[in-house]
Amino acid sequence: MPVTPHPTRGITNCSRCSAPIRWASGPQPGQRTPINAMPSPAGNLAARTDGNGGLVVRQLDREFPEPEAARLEWKAVAHWSSCTGQQTNPTVSAPRSRPARRRPTVQPPLWGQQPGRSGR
């Protein structure tokens, strides 16, 4: 019997393409991975819910090429590989134009004053 995740719990939208995604822990410790919200038979990740209600993913490999039914896993696809939105990086975008710098103005001396001296 195929395992499917809850249809709406833990789903958010991608900020770039607005597709429904879920955030999962793994495959490396401390790493958060966005996965597509619905299972996919072409997935290369095995996803499951942990005891705290979070989502955990692992890479499917030669040792475990299929999701384990005993662990209630399903196949998932990393959203990075299917995102249709454009990535924008503000540091790489076109440079902003700056207003021209004003040249320092030098006032001519007032009538009756000598240049370089104060009028005292």
PDB file of N, CA and C in Angstrom:
ATOM      1  N   MET A   1       0.845  -1.168   0.000  1.00  0.00           N
ATOM      2  CA  MET A   1       0.000   0.000   0.000  1.00  0.00           C
ATOM      3  C   MET A   1       0.896   1.239   0.000  1.00  0.00           C
ATOM      4  N   PRO A   2       0.761   2.158  -1.003  1.00  0.00           N
ATOM      5  CA  PRO A   2       1.598   3.351  -1.044  1.00  0.00           C
ATOM      6  C   PRO A   2       1.222   4.315   0.075  1.00  0.00           C
ATOM      7  N   VAL A   3       2.236   4.941   0.599  1.00  0.00           N
ATOM      8  CA  VAL A   3       2.048   5.904   1.678  1.00  0.00           C
ATOM      9  C   VAL A   3       1.984   7.293   1.067  1.00  0.00           C
ATOM     10  N   THR A   4       1.028   8.101   1.515  1.00  0.00           N
ATOM     11  CA  THR A   4       0.926   9.483   1.039  1.00  0.00           C
ATOM     12  C   THR A   4       0.927  10.414   2.239  1.00  0.00           C
ATOM     13  N   PRO A   5       1.507  11.600   2.094  1.00  0.00           N
ATOM     14  CA  PRO A   5       1.533  12.555   3.203  1.00  0.00           C
ATOM     15  C   PRO A   5       0.164  13.205   3.382  1.00  0.00           C
ATOM     16  N   HIS A   6       0.005  13.893   4.479  1.00  0.00           N
ATOM     17  CA  HIS A   6      -1.224  14.639   4.722  1.00  0.00           C
ATOM     18  C   HIS A   6      -1.388  15.664   3.603  1.00  0.00           C
ATOM     19  N   PRO A   7      -2.597  15.835   3.054  1.00  0.00           N
ATOM     20  CA  PRO A   7      -2.752  16.705   1.875  1.00  0.00           C
ATOM     21  C   PRO A   7      -2.490  18.184   2.109  1.00  0.00           C
ATOM     22  N   THR A   8      -2.652  18.674   3.325  1.00  0.00           N
ATOM     23  CA  THR A   8      -2.464  20.115   3.531  1.00  0.00           C
ATOM     24  C   THR A   8      -1.513  20.468   4.666  1.00  0.00           C
ATOM     25  N   ARG A   9      -1.212  19.595   5.577  1.00  0.00           N
ATOM     26  CA  ARG A   9      -0.389  19.924   6.740  1.00  0.00           C
ATOM     27  C   ARG A   9       1.060  20.174   6.328  1.00  0.00           C
ATOM     28  N   GLY A  10       1.598  21.298   6.775  1.00  0.00           N
ATOM     29  CA  GLY A  10       2.999  21.616   6.520  1.00  0.00           C
ATOM     30  C   GLY A  10       3.288  22.151   5.134  1.00  0.00           C
ATOM     31  N   ILE A  11       2.267  22.521   4.382  1.00  0.00           N
ATOM     32  CA  ILE A  11       2.487  23.012   3.017  1.00  0.00           C
ATOM     33  C   ILE A  11       2.567  24.536   3.021  1.00  0.00           C
ATOM     34  N   THR A  12       3.588  25.053   2.352  1.00  0.00           N
ATOM     35  CA  THR A  12       3.723  26.491   2.117  1.00  0.00           C
ATOM     36  C   THR A  12       3.920  26.680   0.623  1.00  0.00           C
ATOM     37  N   ASN A  13       4.017  27.912   0.183  1.00  0.00           N
ATOM     38  CA  ASN A  13       4.232  28.195  -1.234  1.00  0.00           C
ATOM     39  C   ASN A  13       5.649  28.695  -1.459  1.00  0.00           C
ATOM     40  N   CYS A  14       6.227  28.301  -2.581  1.00  0.00           N
ATOM     41  CA  CYS A  14       7.559  28.761  -2.975  1.00  0.00           C
ATOM     42  C   CYS A  14       7.490  30.263  -3.235  1.00  0.00           C
ATOM     43  N   SER A  15       8.472  31.007  -2.755  1.00  0.00           N
ATOM     44  CA  SER A  15       8.467  32.456  -2.935  1.00  0.00           C
ATOM     45  C   SER A  15       8.797  32.860  -4.370  1.00  0.00           C
ATOM     46  N   ARG A  16       9.344  31.963  -5.152  1.00  0.00           N
ATOM     47  CA  ARG A  16       9.708  32.297  -6.532  1.00  0.00           C
ATOM     48  C   ARG A  16       8.644  31.885  -7.543  1.00  0.00           C
ATOM     49  N   CYS A  17       8.079  30.673  -7.389  1.00  0.00           N
ATOM     50  CA  CYS A  17       7.139  30.175  -8.401  1.00  0.00           C
ATOM     51  C   CYS A  17       5.748  29.911  -7.841  1.00  0.00           C
ATOM     52  N   SER A  18       5.545  30.082  -6.542  1.00  0.00           N
ATOM     53  CA  SER A  18       4.263  29.891  -5.856  1.00  0.00           C
ATOM     54  C   SER A  18       3.756  28.458  -5.881  1.00  0.00           C
ATOM     55  N   ALA A  19       4.607  27.507  -6.160  1.00  0.00           N
ATOM     56  CA  ALA A  19       4.210  26.100  -6.135  1.00  0.00           C
ATOM     57  C   ALA A  19       4.127  25.631  -4.682  1.00  0.00           C
ATOM     58  N   PRO A  20       3.241  24.667  -4.377  1.00  0.00           N
ATOM     59  CA  PRO A  20       3.167  24.158  -3.009  1.00  0.00           C
ATOM     60  C   PRO A  20       4.393  23.301  -2.677  1.00  0.00           C
ATOM     61  N   ILE A  21       5.023  23.600  -1.536  1.00  0.00           N
ATOM     62  CA  ILE A  21       6.216  22.857  -1.111  1.00  0.00           C
ATOM     63  C   ILE A  21       6.091  22.501   0.362  1.00  0.00           C
ATOM     64  N   ARG A  22       6.942  21.582   0.800  1.00  0.00           N
ATOM     65  CA  ARG A  22       7.092  21.242   2.205  1.00  0.00           C
ATOM     66  C   ARG A  22       8.572  21.379   2.543  1.00  0.00           C
ATOM     67  N   TRP A  23       8.872  21.818   3.757  1.00  0.00           N
ATOM     68  CA  TRP A  23      10.254  21.927   4.216  1.00  0.00           C
ATOM     69  C   TRP A  23      10.586  20.686   5.022  1.00  0.00           C
ATOM     70  N   ALA A  24      11.731  20.094   4.732  1.00  0.00           N
ATOM     71  CA  ALA A  24      12.148  18.865   5.399  1.00  0.00           C
ATOM     72  C   ALA A  24      13.576  19.000   5.918  1.00  0.00           C
ATOM     73  N   SER A  25      13.909  18.214   6.917  1.00  0.00           N
ATOM     74  CA  SER A  25      15.275  18.149   7.447  1.00  0.00           C
ATOM     75  C   SER A  25      16.058  17.115   6.667  1.00  0.00           C
ATOM     76  N   GLY A  26      17.313  17.404   6.384  1.00  0.00           N
ATOM     77  CA  GLY A  26      18.178  16.421   5.749  1.00  0.00           C
ATOM     78  C   GLY A  26      18.421  16.738   4.306  1.00  0.00           C
ATOM     79  N   PRO A  27      19.155  15.944   3.600  1.00  0.00           N
ATOM     80  CA  PRO A  27      19.790  14.697   3.981  1.00  0.00           C
ATOM     81  C   PRO A  27      21.003  14.873   4.893  1.00  0.00           C
ATOM     82  N   GLN A  28      21.668  16.038   4.911  1.00  0.00           N
ATOM     83  CA  GLN A  28      22.761  16.257   5.856  1.00  0.00           C
ATOM     84  C   GLN A  28      22.187  16.870   7.144  1.00  0.00           C
ATOM     85  N   PRO A  29      22.797  16.592   8.280  1.00  0.00           N
ATOM     86  CA  PRO A  29      22.304  17.159   9.539  1.00  0.00           C
ATOM     87  C   PRO A  29      22.338  18.686   9.517  1.00  0.00           C
ATOM     88  N   GLY A  30      21.282  19.303  10.001  1.00  0.00           N
ATOM     89  CA  GLY A  30      21.202  20.755  10.056  1.00  0.00           C
ATOM     90  C   GLY A  30      20.798  21.408   8.752  1.00  0.00           C
ATOM     91  N   GLN A  31      20.519  20.640   7.735  1.00  0.00           N
ATOM     92  CA  GLN A  31      20.160  21.185   6.429  1.00  0.00           C
ATOM     93  C   GLN A  31      18.649  21.111   6.249  1.00  0.00           C
ATOM     94  N   ARG A  32      18.057  22.194   5.722  1.00  0.00           N
ATOM     95  CA  ARG A  32      16.628  22.203   5.411  1.00  0.00           C
ATOM     96  C   ARG A  32      16.476  22.144   3.896  1.00  0.00           C
ATOM     97  N   THR A  33      15.605  21.249   3.425  1.00  0.00           N
ATOM     98  CA  THR A  33      15.428  21.024   1.997  1.00  0.00           C
ATOM     99  C   THR A  33      13.974  21.243   1.622  1.00  0.00           C
ATOM    100  N   PRO A  34      13.692  22.079   0.606  1.00  0.00           N
ATOM    101  CA  PRO A  34      12.308  22.184   0.141  1.00  0.00           C
ATOM    102  C   PRO A  34      12.010  21.022  -0.805  1.00  0.00           C
ATOM    103  N   ILE A  35      10.889  20.366  -0.593  1.00  0.00           N
ATOM    104  CA  ILE A  35      10.474  19.286  -1.496  1.00  0.00           C
ATOM    105  C   ILE A  35       9.094  19.625  -2.020  1.00  0.00           C
ATOM    106  N   ASN A  36       8.764  19.083  -3.186  1.00  0.00           N
ATOM    107  CA  ASN A  36       7.433  19.293  -3.732  1.00  0.00           C
ATOM    108  C   ASN A  36       6.413  18.679  -2.783  1.00  0.00           C
ATOM    109  N   ALA A  37       5.252  19.296  -2.676  1.00  0.00           N
ATOM    110  CA  ALA A  37       4.267  18.890  -1.674  1.00  0.00           C
ATOM    111  C   ALA A  37       3.693  17.507  -1.935  1.00  0.00           C
ATOM    112  N   MET A  38       3.548  17.131  -3.177  1.00  0.00           N
ATOM    113  CA  MET A  38       2.944  15.841  -3.497  1.00  0.00           C
ATOM    114  C   MET A  38       4.023  14.813  -3.839  1.00  0.00           C
ATOM    115  N   PRO A  39       3.792  13.545  -3.499  1.00  0.00           N
ATOM    116  CA  PRO A  39       4.757  12.491  -3.846  1.00  0.00           C
ATOM    117  C   PRO A  39       4.894  12.351  -5.358  1.00  0.00           C
ATOM    118  N   SER A  40       6.047  11.856  -5.785  1.00  0.00           N
ATOM    119  CA  SER A  40       6.302  11.654  -7.205  1.00  0.00           C
ATOM    120  C   SER A  40       6.976  10.306  -7.412  1.00  0.00           C
ATOM    121  N   PRO A  41       6.494   9.493  -8.366  1.00  0.00           N
ATOM    122  CA  PRO A  41       7.154   8.211  -8.613  1.00  0.00           C
ATOM    123  C   PRO A  41       8.572   8.373  -9.155  1.00  0.00           C
ATOM    124  N   ALA A  42       8.902   9.543  -9.692  1.00  0.00           N
ATOM    125  CA  ALA A  42      10.236   9.788 -10.229  1.00  0.00           C
ATOM    126  C   ALA A  42      11.158  10.401  -9.181  1.00  0.00           C
ATOM    127  N   GLY A  43      10.735  10.444  -7.933  1.00  0.00           N
ATOM    128  CA  GLY A  43      11.519  11.093  -6.888  1.00  0.00           C
ATOM    129  C   GLY A  43      12.809  10.367  -6.572  1.00  0.00           C
ATOM    130  N   ASN A  44      13.814  11.120  -6.158  1.00  0.00           N
ATOM    131  CA  ASN A  44      15.101  10.538  -5.764  1.00  0.00           C
ATOM    132  C   ASN A  44      15.347  10.693  -4.267  1.00  0.00           C
ATOM    133  N   LEU A  45      14.323  11.133  -3.519  1.00  0.00           N
ATOM    134  CA  LEU A  45      14.393  11.262  -2.075  1.00  0.00           C
ATOM    135  C   LEU A  45      13.290  10.422  -1.438  1.00  0.00           C
ATOM    136  N   ALA A  46      13.549   9.918  -0.248  1.00  0.00           N
ATOM    137  CA  ALA A  46      12.528   9.226   0.527  1.00  0.00           C
ATOM    138  C   ALA A  46      12.172  10.130   1.691  1.00  0.00           C
ATOM    139  N   ALA A  47      10.892  10.491   1.808  1.00  0.00           N
ATOM    140  CA  ALA A  47      10.440  11.399   2.853  1.00  0.00           C
ATOM    141  C   ALA A  47       9.544  10.661   3.837  1.00  0.00           C
ATOM    142  N   ARG A  48       9.611  11.085   5.091  1.00  0.00           N
ATOM    143  CA  ARG A  48       8.749  10.508   6.127  1.00  0.00           C
ATOM    144  C   ARG A  48       8.562  11.545   7.219  1.00  0.00           C
ATOM    145  N   THR A  49       7.509  11.380   8.015  1.00  0.00           N
ATOM    146  CA  THR A  49       7.311  12.259   9.159  1.00  0.00           C
ATOM    147  C   THR A  49       7.998  11.642  10.363  1.00  0.00           C
ATOM    148  N   ASP A  50       8.611  12.486  11.176  1.00  0.00           N
ATOM    149  CA  ASP A  50       9.268  11.972  12.378  1.00  0.00           C
ATOM    150  C   ASP A  50       8.278  12.002  13.539  1.00  0.00           C
ATOM    151  N   GLY A  51       8.709  11.622  14.696  1.00  0.00           N
ATOM    152  CA  GLY A  51       7.838  11.548  15.860  1.00  0.00           C
ATOM    153  C   GLY A  51       7.300  12.889  16.324  1.00  0.00           C
ATOM    154  N   ASN A  52       7.959  13.990  15.968  1.00  0.00           N
ATOM    155  CA  ASN A  52       7.537  15.320  16.398  1.00  0.00           C
ATOM    156  C   ASN A  52       6.654  16.022  15.373  1.00  0.00           C
ATOM    157  N   GLY A  53       6.318  15.352  14.286  1.00  0.00           N
ATOM    158  CA  GLY A  53       5.484  15.954  13.253  1.00  0.00           C
ATOM    159  C   GLY A  53       6.273  16.654  12.161  1.00  0.00           C
ATOM    160  N   GLY A  54       7.590  16.637  12.244  1.00  0.00           N
ATOM    161  CA  GLY A  54       8.422  17.244  11.208  1.00  0.00           C
ATOM    162  C   GLY A  54       8.625  16.283  10.052  1.00  0.00           C
ATOM    163  N   LEU A  55       9.206  16.762   8.997  1.00  0.00           N
ATOM    164  CA  LEU A  55       9.451  15.961   7.813  1.00  0.00           C
ATOM    165  C   LEU A  55      10.945  15.718   7.680  1.00  0.00           C
ATOM    166  N   VAL A  56      11.333  14.475   7.395  1.00  0.00           N
ATOM    167  CA  VAL A  56      12.738  14.086   7.250  1.00  0.00           C
ATOM    168  C   VAL A  56      12.901  13.432   5.889  1.00  0.00           C
ATOM    169  N   VAL A  57      13.959  13.799   5.168  1.00  0.00           N
ATOM    170  CA  VAL A  57      14.235  13.174   3.870  1.00  0.00           C
ATOM    171  C   VAL A  57      15.602  12.523   3.893  1.00  0.00           C
ATOM    172  N   ARG A  58      15.754  11.525   3.039  1.00  0.00           N
ATOM    173  CA  ARG A  58      17.053  10.881   2.837  1.00  0.00           C
ATOM    174  C   ARG A  58      17.183  10.597   1.351  1.00  0.00           C
ATOM    175  N   GLN A  59      18.421  10.506   0.909  1.00  0.00           N
ATOM    176  CA  GLN A  59      18.711  10.226  -0.494  1.00  0.00           C
ATOM    177  C   GLN A  59      18.497   8.735  -0.760  1.00  0.00           C
ATOM    178  N   LEU A  60      17.820   8.401  -1.851  1.00  0.00           N
ATOM    179  CA  LEU A  60      17.706   6.999  -2.244  1.00  0.00           C
ATOM    180  C   LEU A  60      19.019   6.592  -2.904  1.00  0.00           C
ATOM    181  N   ASP A  61      19.577   5.451  -2.495  1.00  0.00           N
ATOM    182  CA  ASP A  61      20.866   5.013  -3.027  1.00  0.00           C
ATOM    183  C   ASP A  61      20.810   3.522  -3.348  1.00  0.00           C
ATOM    184  N   ARG A  62      21.955   2.949  -3.678  1.00  0.00           N
ATOM    185  CA  ARG A  62      21.994   1.529  -4.056  1.00  0.00           C
ATOM    186  C   ARG A  62      21.596   0.615  -2.901  1.00  0.00           C
ATOM    187  N   GLU A  63      21.987   0.990  -1.694  1.00  0.00           N
ATOM    188  CA  GLU A  63      21.664   0.153  -0.539  1.00  0.00           C
ATOM    189  C   GLU A  63      20.157   0.145  -0.253  1.00  0.00           C
ATOM    190  N   PHE A  64      19.529   1.308  -0.355  1.00  0.00           N
ATOM    191  CA  PHE A  64      18.089   1.430  -0.164  1.00  0.00           C
ATOM    192  C   PHE A  64      17.501   2.196  -1.350  1.00  0.00           C
ATOM    193  N   PRO A  65      17.232   1.524  -2.483  1.00  0.00           N
ATOM    194  CA  PRO A  65      16.778   2.223  -3.686  1.00  0.00           C
ATOM    195  C   PRO A  65      15.298   2.603  -3.666  1.00  0.00           C
ATOM    196  N   GLU A  66      14.526   2.035  -2.753  1.00  0.00           N
ATOM    197  CA  GLU A  66      13.096   2.316  -2.685  1.00  0.00           C
ATOM    198  C   GLU A  66      12.732   2.782  -1.277  1.00  0.00           C
ATOM    199  N   PRO A  67      11.659   3.558  -1.141  1.00  0.00           N
ATOM    200  CA  PRO A  67      11.207   3.939   0.204  1.00  0.00           C
ATOM    201  C   PRO A  67      10.785   2.714   0.999  1.00  0.00           C
ATOM    202  N   GLU A  68      11.012   2.752   2.274  1.00  0.00           N
ATOM    203  CA  GLU A  68      10.680   1.624   3.128  1.00  0.00           C
ATOM    204  C   GLU A  68       9.255   1.775   3.641  1.00  0.00           C
ATOM    205  N   ALA A  69       8.415   0.766   3.383  1.00  0.00           N
ATOM    206  CA  ALA A  69       7.029   0.805   3.825  1.00  0.00           C
ATOM    207  C   ALA A  69       6.939   0.723   5.348  1.00  0.00           C
ATOM    208  N   ALA A  70       7.881   0.033   5.983  1.00  0.00           N
ATOM    209  CA  ALA A  70       7.860  -0.095   7.436  1.00  0.00           C
ATOM    210  C   ALA A  70       8.090   1.258   8.110  1.00  0.00           C
ATOM    211  N   ARG A  71       8.834   2.154   7.446  1.00  0.00           N
ATOM    212  CA  ARG A  71       9.105   3.487   8.004  1.00  0.00           C
ATOM    213  C   ARG A  71       8.112   4.525   7.495  1.00  0.00           C
ATOM    214  N   LEU A  72       7.117   4.087   6.717  1.00  0.00           N
ATOM    215  CA  LEU A  72       6.091   4.972   6.153  1.00  0.00           C
ATOM    216  C   LEU A  72       6.704   6.094   5.319  1.00  0.00           C
ATOM    217  N   GLU A  73       7.606   5.724   4.405  1.00  0.00           N
ATOM    218  CA  GLU A  73       8.270   6.701   3.541  1.00  0.00           C
ATOM    219  C   GLU A  73       7.555   6.766   2.187  1.00  0.00           C
ATOM    220  N   TRP A  74       7.707   7.885   1.518  1.00  0.00           N
ATOM    221  CA  TRP A  74       7.215   8.040   0.155  1.00  0.00           C
ATOM    222  C   TRP A  74       8.277   8.755  -0.662  1.00  0.00           C
ATOM    223  N   LYS A  75       8.177   8.619  -2.002  1.00  0.00           N
ATOM    224  CA  LYS A  75       9.152   9.250  -2.894  1.00  0.00           C
ATOM    225  C   LYS A  75       8.834  10.727  -3.047  1.00  0.00           C
ATOM    226  N   ALA A  76       9.871  11.536  -2.973  1.00  0.00           N
ATOM    227  CA  ALA A  76       9.713  12.982  -3.100  1.00  0.00           C
ATOM    228  C   ALA A  76      10.782  13.539  -4.023  1.00  0.00           C
ATOM    229  N   VAL A  77      10.494  14.722  -4.572  1.00  0.00           N
ATOM    230  CA  VAL A  77      11.427  15.416  -5.461  1.00  0.00           C
ATOM    231  C   VAL A  77      11.838  16.712  -4.788  1.00  0.00           C
ATOM    232  N   ALA A  78      13.138  17.010  -4.789  1.00  0.00           N
ATOM    233  CA  ALA A  78      13.618  18.288  -4.266  1.00  0.00           C
ATOM    234  C   ALA A  78      13.067  19.406  -5.142  1.00  0.00           C
ATOM    235  N   HIS A  79      12.528  20.437  -4.523  1.00  0.00           N
ATOM    236  CA  HIS A  79      11.887  21.509  -5.299  1.00  0.00           C
ATOM    237  C   HIS A  79      12.894  22.298  -6.129  1.00  0.00           C
ATOM    238  N   TRP A  80      14.156  22.303  -5.742  1.00  0.00           N
ATOM    239  CA  TRP A  80      15.170  23.022  -6.522  1.00  0.00           C
ATOM    240  C   TRP A  80      15.215  22.533  -7.963  1.00  0.00           C
ATOM    241  N   SER A  81      14.981  21.242  -8.172  1.00  0.00           N
ATOM    242  CA  SER A  81      15.079  20.695  -9.520  1.00  0.00           C
ATOM    243  C   SER A  81      13.850  20.985 -10.366  1.00  0.00           C
ATOM    244  N   SER A  82      12.749  21.415  -9.758  1.00  0.00           N
ATOM    245  CA  SER A  82      11.536  21.645 -10.543  1.00  0.00           C
ATOM    246  C   SER A  82      11.006  23.069 -10.439  1.00  0.00           C
ATOM    247  N   CYS A  83      11.700  23.953  -9.752  1.00  0.00           N
ATOM    248  CA  CYS A  83      11.232  25.331  -9.584  1.00  0.00           C
ATOM    249  C   CYS A  83      11.321  26.069 -10.920  1.00  0.00           C
ATOM    250  N   THR A  84      10.242  26.745 -11.284  1.00  0.00           N
ATOM    251  CA  THR A  84      10.208  27.481 -12.547  1.00  0.00           C
ATOM    252  C   THR A  84      10.466  28.970 -12.355  1.00  0.00           C
ATOM    253  N   GLY A  85      10.599  29.417 -11.110  1.00  0.00           N
ATOM    254  CA  GLY A  85      10.839  30.834 -10.834  1.00  0.00           C
ATOM    255  C   GLY A  85      12.263  31.228 -11.147  1.00  0.00           C
ATOM    256  N   GLN A  86      12.456  32.512 -11.345  1.00  0.00           N
ATOM    257  CA  GLN A  86      13.787  33.035 -11.633  1.00  0.00           C
ATOM    258  C   GLN A  86      14.467  33.404 -10.334  1.00  0.00           C
ATOM    259  N   GLN A  87      15.712  33.001 -10.191  1.00  0.00           N
ATOM    260  CA  GLN A  87      16.474  33.366  -9.004  1.00  0.00           C
ATOM    261  C   GLN A  87      17.064  34.740  -9.222  1.00  0.00           C
ATOM    262  N   THR A  88      16.825  35.611  -8.266  1.00  0.00           N
ATOM    263  CA  THR A  88      17.403  36.948  -8.355  1.00  0.00           C
ATOM    264  C   THR A  88      18.355  37.132  -7.187  1.00  0.00           C
ATOM    265  N   ASN A  89      19.521  37.623  -7.502  1.00  0.00           N
ATOM    266  CA  ASN A  89      20.526  37.884  -6.486  1.00  0.00           C
ATOM    267  C   ASN A  89      20.815  39.379  -6.513  1.00  0.00           C
ATOM    268  N   PRO A  90      20.434  40.121  -5.479  1.00  0.00           N
ATOM    269  CA  PRO A  90      20.593  41.570  -5.537  1.00  0.00           C
ATOM    270  C   PRO A  90      22.036  42.026  -5.660  1.00  0.00           C
ATOM    271  N   THR A  91      23.003  41.213  -5.257  1.00  0.00           N
ATOM    272  CA  THR A  91      24.395  41.649  -5.366  1.00  0.00           C
ATOM    273  C   THR A  91      24.922  41.506  -6.784  1.00  0.00           C
ATOM    274  N   VAL A  92      24.273  40.699  -7.599  1.00  0.00           N
ATOM    275  CA  VAL A  92      24.735  40.480  -8.957  1.00  0.00           C
ATOM    276  C   VAL A  92      23.922  41.302  -9.952  1.00  0.00           C
ATOM    277  N   SER A  93      22.815  41.875  -9.532  1.00  0.00           N
ATOM    278  CA  SER A  93      21.952  42.617 -10.444  1.00  0.00           C
ATOM    279  C   SER A  93      22.679  43.861 -10.964  1.00  0.00           C
ATOM    280  N   ALA A  94      22.027  44.558 -11.855  1.00  0.00           N
ATOM    281  CA  ALA A  94      22.629  45.735 -12.481  1.00  0.00           C
ATOM    282  C   ALA A  94      22.987  46.773 -11.417  1.00  0.00           C
ATOM    283  N   PRO A  95      24.121  47.431 -11.601  1.00  0.00           N
ATOM    284  CA  PRO A  95      24.519  48.415 -10.595  1.00  0.00           C
ATOM    285  C   PRO A  95      23.564  49.614 -10.585  1.00  0.00           C
ATOM    286  N   ARG A  96      23.319  50.114  -9.389  1.00  0.00           N
ATOM    287  CA  ARG A  96      22.456  51.289  -9.275  1.00  0.00           C
ATOM    288  C   ARG A  96      23.252  52.524  -9.633  1.00  0.00           C
ATOM    289  N   SER A  97      22.572  53.472 -10.278  1.00  0.00           N
ATOM    290  CA  SER A  97      23.272  54.699 -10.636  1.00  0.00           C
ATOM    291  C   SER A  97      23.309  55.627  -9.424  1.00  0.00           C
ATOM    292  N   ARG A  98      24.417  56.289  -9.276  1.00  0.00           N
ATOM    293  CA  ARG A  98      24.582  57.240  -8.193  1.00  0.00           C
ATOM    294  C   ARG A  98      24.474  58.642  -8.756  1.00  0.00           C
ATOM    295  N   PRO A  99      23.977  59.564  -7.975  1.00  0.00           N
ATOM    296  CA  PRO A  99      23.981  60.944  -8.461  1.00  0.00           C
ATOM    297  C   PRO A  99      25.425  61.445  -8.565  1.00  0.00           C
ATOM    298  N   ALA A 100      25.629  62.330  -9.492  1.00  0.00           N
ATOM    299  CA  ALA A 100      26.972  62.862  -9.700  1.00  0.00           C
ATOM    300  C   ALA A 100      27.432  63.614  -8.461  1.00  0.00           C
ATOM    301  N   ARG A 101      28.720  63.504  -8.155  1.00  0.00           N
ATOM    302  CA  ARG A 101      29.269  64.225  -7.004  1.00  0.00           C
ATOM    303  C   ARG A 101      29.467  65.683  -7.382  1.00  0.00           C
ATOM    304  N   ARG A 102      29.117  66.516  -6.461  1.00  0.00           N
ATOM    305  CA  ARG A 102      29.291  67.950  -6.707  1.00  0.00           C
ATOM    306  C   ARG A 102      30.736  68.325  -6.438  1.00  0.00           C
ATOM    307  N   ARG A 103      31.249  69.164  -7.299  1.00  0.00           N
ATOM    308  CA  ARG A 103      32.604  69.651  -7.095  1.00  0.00           C
ATOM    309  C   ARG A 103      32.599  70.664  -5.979  1.00  0.00           C
ATOM    310  N   PRO A 104      33.630  70.641  -5.163  1.00  0.00           N
ATOM    311  CA  PRO A 104      33.673  71.646  -4.104  1.00  0.00           C
ATOM    312  C   PRO A 104      33.796  73.037  -4.723  1.00  0.00           C
ATOM    313  N   THR A 105      33.015  73.909  -4.201  1.00  0.00           N
ATOM    314  CA  THR A 105      33.047  75.267  -4.759  1.00  0.00           C
ATOM    315  C   THR A 105      34.025  76.121  -3.980  1.00  0.00           C
ATOM    316  N   VAL A 106      34.715  76.923  -4.689  1.00  0.00           N
ATOM    317  CA  VAL A 106      35.643  77.869  -4.077  1.00  0.00           C
ATOM    318  C   VAL A 106      35.092  79.256  -4.363  1.00  0.00           C
ATOM    319  N   GLN A 107      34.788  79.956  -3.309  1.00  0.00           N
ATOM    320  CA  GLN A 107      34.246  81.289  -3.489  1.00  0.00           C
ATOM    321  C   GLN A 107      35.380  82.291  -3.672  1.00  0.00           C
ATOM    322  N   PRO A 108      35.207  83.130  -4.615  1.00  0.00           N
ATOM    323  CA  PRO A 108      36.231  84.172  -4.747  1.00  0.00           C
ATOM    324  C   PRO A 108      36.179  85.092  -3.523  1.00  0.00           C
ATOM    325  N   PRO A 109      37.283  85.701  -3.193  1.00  0.00           N
ATOM    326  CA  PRO A 109      37.278  86.580  -2.021  1.00  0.00           C
ATOM    327  C   PRO A 109      36.339  87.773  -2.230  1.00  0.00           C
ATOM    328  N   LEU A 110      35.810  88.226  -1.134  1.00  0.00           N
ATOM    329  CA  LEU A 110      34.942  89.400  -1.210  1.00  0.00           C
ATOM    330  C   LEU A 110      35.768  90.625  -1.598  1.00  0.00           C
ATOM    331  N   TRP A 111      35.082  91.649  -2.065  1.00  0.00           N
ATOM    332  CA  TRP A 111      35.775  92.843  -2.523  1.00  0.00           C
ATOM    333  C   TRP A 111      36.546  93.482  -1.376  1.00  0.00           C
ATOM    334  N   GLY A 112      37.769  93.711  -1.568  1.00  0.00           N
ATOM    335  CA  GLY A 112      38.606  94.348  -0.573  1.00  0.00           C
ATOM    336  C   GLY A 112      39.388  93.358   0.283  1.00  0.00           C
ATOM    337  N   GLN A 113      39.151  92.040   0.147  1.00  0.00           N
ATOM    338  CA  GLN A 113      39.880  91.043   0.926  1.00  0.00           C
ATOM    339  C   GLN A 113      40.951  90.409   0.066  1.00  0.00           C
ATOM    340  N   GLN A 114      41.999  89.960   0.709  1.00  0.00           N
ATOM    341  CA  GLN A 114      43.051  89.286  -0.020  1.00  0.00           C
ATOM    342  C   GLN A 114      42.795  87.780   0.019  1.00  0.00           C
ATOM    343  N   PRO A 115      43.123  87.082  -1.043  1.00  0.00           N
ATOM    344  CA  PRO A 115      42.907  85.625  -1.052  1.00  0.00           C
ATOM    345  C   PRO A 115      43.785  84.945  -0.009  1.00  0.00           C
ATOM    346  N   GLY A 116      43.209  83.924   0.711  1.00  0.00           N
ATOM    347  CA  GLY A 116      43.965  83.140   1.663  1.00  0.00           C
ATOM    348  C   GLY A 116      43.996  83.740   3.052  1.00  0.00           C
ATOM    349  N   ARG A 117      43.505  84.939   3.248  1.00  0.00           N
ATOM    350  CA  ARG A 117      43.485  85.554   4.576  1.00  0.00           C
ATOM    351  C   ARG A 117      42.049  85.750   5.006  1.00  0.00           C
ATOM    352  N   SER A 118      41.872  85.698   6.291  1.00  0.00           N
ATOM    353  CA  SER A 118      40.539  86.007   6.778  1.00  0.00           C
ATOM    354  C   SER A 118      40.390  87.513   6.850  1.00  0.00           C
ATOM    355  N   GLY A 119      39.166  87.946   6.833  1.00  0.00           N
ATOM    356  CA  GLY A 119      38.909  89.379   6.789  1.00  0.00           C
ATOM    357  C   GLY A 119      38.980  90.059   8.147  1.00  0.00           C
ATOM    358  N   ARG A 120      39.662  89.547   9.088  1.00  0.00           N
ATOM    359  CA  ARG A 120      39.718  90.181  10.410  1.00  0.00           C
ATOM    360  C   ARG A 120      40.843  91.099  10.554  1.00  0.00           C
TER     361      ARG A 120
END
